[in-house]
Amino acid sequence: MAVPKGKISRMKRGFRRSGHTTQKSVYVENKETGELHRPHHIDLKTGMYRGRQVLEPKDEY
């Protein structure tokens, strides 16, 4: 069985995890409203997901 030879220091652990934050969030534009939302997520302003009403739309402030 593979066993680590020694404790991984905080610095080495940080080096390994440094690439975790490089990805930016991707947003797509809603075709009907022009609002930006994340792909495969509900558009919170309209409450629509894949052409279906899932949530009640948010009130305009």
C-alpha atoms as a PDB file:
ATOM      1  CA  MET A   1       0.000   0.000   0.000  1.00  0.00           C
ATOM      2  CA  ALA A   2       1.304   3.473  -0.841  1.00  0.00           C
ATOM      3  CA  VAL A   3       2.149   5.548   2.221  1.00  0.00           C
ATOM      4  CA  PRO A   4       3.356   9.163   2.156  1.00  0.00           C
ATOM      5  CA  LYS A   5       7.026   9.465   3.095  1.00  0.00           C
ATOM      6  CA  GLY A   6       6.594  12.704   5.001  1.00  0.00           C
ATOM      7  CA  LYS A   7       4.136  15.428   5.958  1.00  0.00           C
ATOM      8  CA  ILE A   8       3.236  17.810   3.154  1.00  0.00           C
ATOM      9  CA  SER A   9       4.003  21.364   4.277  1.00  0.00           C
ATOM     10  CA  ARG A  10       1.475  24.186   3.995  1.00  0.00           C
ATOM     11  CA  MET A  11       3.576  25.772   1.262  1.00  0.00           C
ATOM     12  CA  LYS A  12       3.661  22.631  -0.911  1.00  0.00           C
ATOM     13  CA  ARG A  13      -0.054  22.091  -0.342  1.00  0.00           C
ATOM     14  CA  GLY A  14      -0.660  25.692  -1.414  1.00  0.00           C
ATOM     15  CA  PHE A  15       1.421  25.208  -4.555  1.00  0.00           C
ATOM     16  CA  ARG A  16      -0.708  22.201  -5.471  1.00  0.00           C
ATOM     17  CA  ARG A  17      -3.950  24.094  -4.898  1.00  0.00           C
ATOM     18  CA  SER A  18      -2.826  27.309  -6.620  1.00  0.00           C
ATOM     19  CA  GLY A  19      -4.620  26.422  -9.853  1.00  0.00           C
ATOM     20  CA  HIS A  20      -7.986  26.009  -8.159  1.00  0.00           C
ATOM     21  CA  THR A  21      -8.784  29.729  -8.329  1.00  0.00           C
ATOM     22  CA  THR A  22      -7.740  30.398 -11.919  1.00  0.00           C
ATOM     23  CA  GLN A  23     -11.120  29.550 -13.445  1.00  0.00           C
ATOM     24  CA  LYS A  24     -13.491  32.466 -13.983  1.00  0.00           C
ATOM     25  CA  SER A  25     -17.240  32.045 -13.733  1.00  0.00           C
ATOM     26  CA  VAL A  26     -18.873  31.796 -17.150  1.00  0.00           C
ATOM     27  CA  TYR A  27     -22.090  33.677 -17.830  1.00  0.00           C
ATOM     28  CA  VAL A  28     -24.470  33.377 -20.751  1.00  0.00           C
ATOM     29  CA  GLU A  29     -27.003  35.917 -21.971  1.00  0.00           C
ATOM     30  CA  ASN A  30     -30.700  35.062 -21.777  1.00  0.00           C
ATOM     31  CA  LYS A  31     -32.185  35.316 -25.269  1.00  0.00           C
ATOM     32  CA  GLU A  32     -35.517  36.799 -24.136  1.00  0.00           C
ATOM     33  CA  THR A  33     -34.449  39.262 -21.430  1.00  0.00           C
ATOM     34  CA  GLY A  34     -30.772  39.884 -22.165  1.00  0.00           C
ATOM     35  CA  GLU A  35     -29.888  39.135 -18.516  1.00  0.00           C
ATOM     36  CA  LEU A  36     -26.688  37.282 -17.676  1.00  0.00           C
ATOM     37  CA  HIS A  37     -26.867  34.017 -15.737  1.00  0.00           C
ATOM     38  CA  ARG A  38     -24.706  30.940 -15.271  1.00  0.00           C
ATOM     39  CA  PRO A  39     -25.249  28.100 -17.741  1.00  0.00           C
ATOM     40  CA  HIS A  40     -27.425  25.219 -16.475  1.00  0.00           C
ATOM     41  CA  HIS A  41     -28.748  27.446 -13.663  1.00  0.00           C
ATOM     42  CA  ILE A  42     -32.071  29.202 -13.123  1.00  0.00           C
ATOM     43  CA  ASP A  43     -32.342  32.812 -14.310  1.00  0.00           C
ATOM     44  CA  LEU A  44     -33.294  34.414 -10.989  1.00  0.00           C
ATOM     45  CA  LYS A  45     -34.818  37.527 -12.530  1.00  0.00           C
ATOM     46  CA  THR A  46     -37.363  35.672 -14.658  1.00  0.00           C
ATOM     47  CA  GLY A  47     -37.466  32.344 -12.784  1.00  0.00           C
ATOM     48  CA  MET A  48     -37.144  30.404 -16.040  1.00  0.00           C
ATOM     49  CA  TYR A  49     -35.009  27.310 -16.680  1.00  0.00           C
ATOM     50  CA  ARG A  50     -34.888  25.645 -20.105  1.00  0.00           C
ATOM     51  CA  GLY A  51     -38.064  27.403 -21.234  1.00  0.00           C
ATOM     52  CA  ARG A  52     -40.102  26.458 -18.145  1.00  0.00           C
ATOM     53  CA  GLN A  53     -41.258  28.629 -15.247  1.00  0.00           C
ATOM     54  CA  VAL A  54     -39.506  27.164 -12.176  1.00  0.00           C
ATOM     55  CA  LEU A  55     -39.593  30.028  -9.656  1.00  0.00           C
ATOM     56  CA  GLU A  56     -41.713  33.080  -9.119  1.00  0.00           C
ATOM     57  CA  PRO A  57     -40.013  36.051 -10.823  1.00  0.00           C
ATOM     58  CA  LYS A  58     -38.308  38.601  -8.575  1.00  0.00           C
ATOM     59  CA  ASP A  59     -40.172  41.882  -8.012  1.00  0.00           C
ATOM     60  CA  GLU A  60     -38.694  44.997  -9.570  1.00  0.00           C
ATOM     61  CA  TYR A  61     -37.199  47.291  -6.950  1.00  0.00           C
END
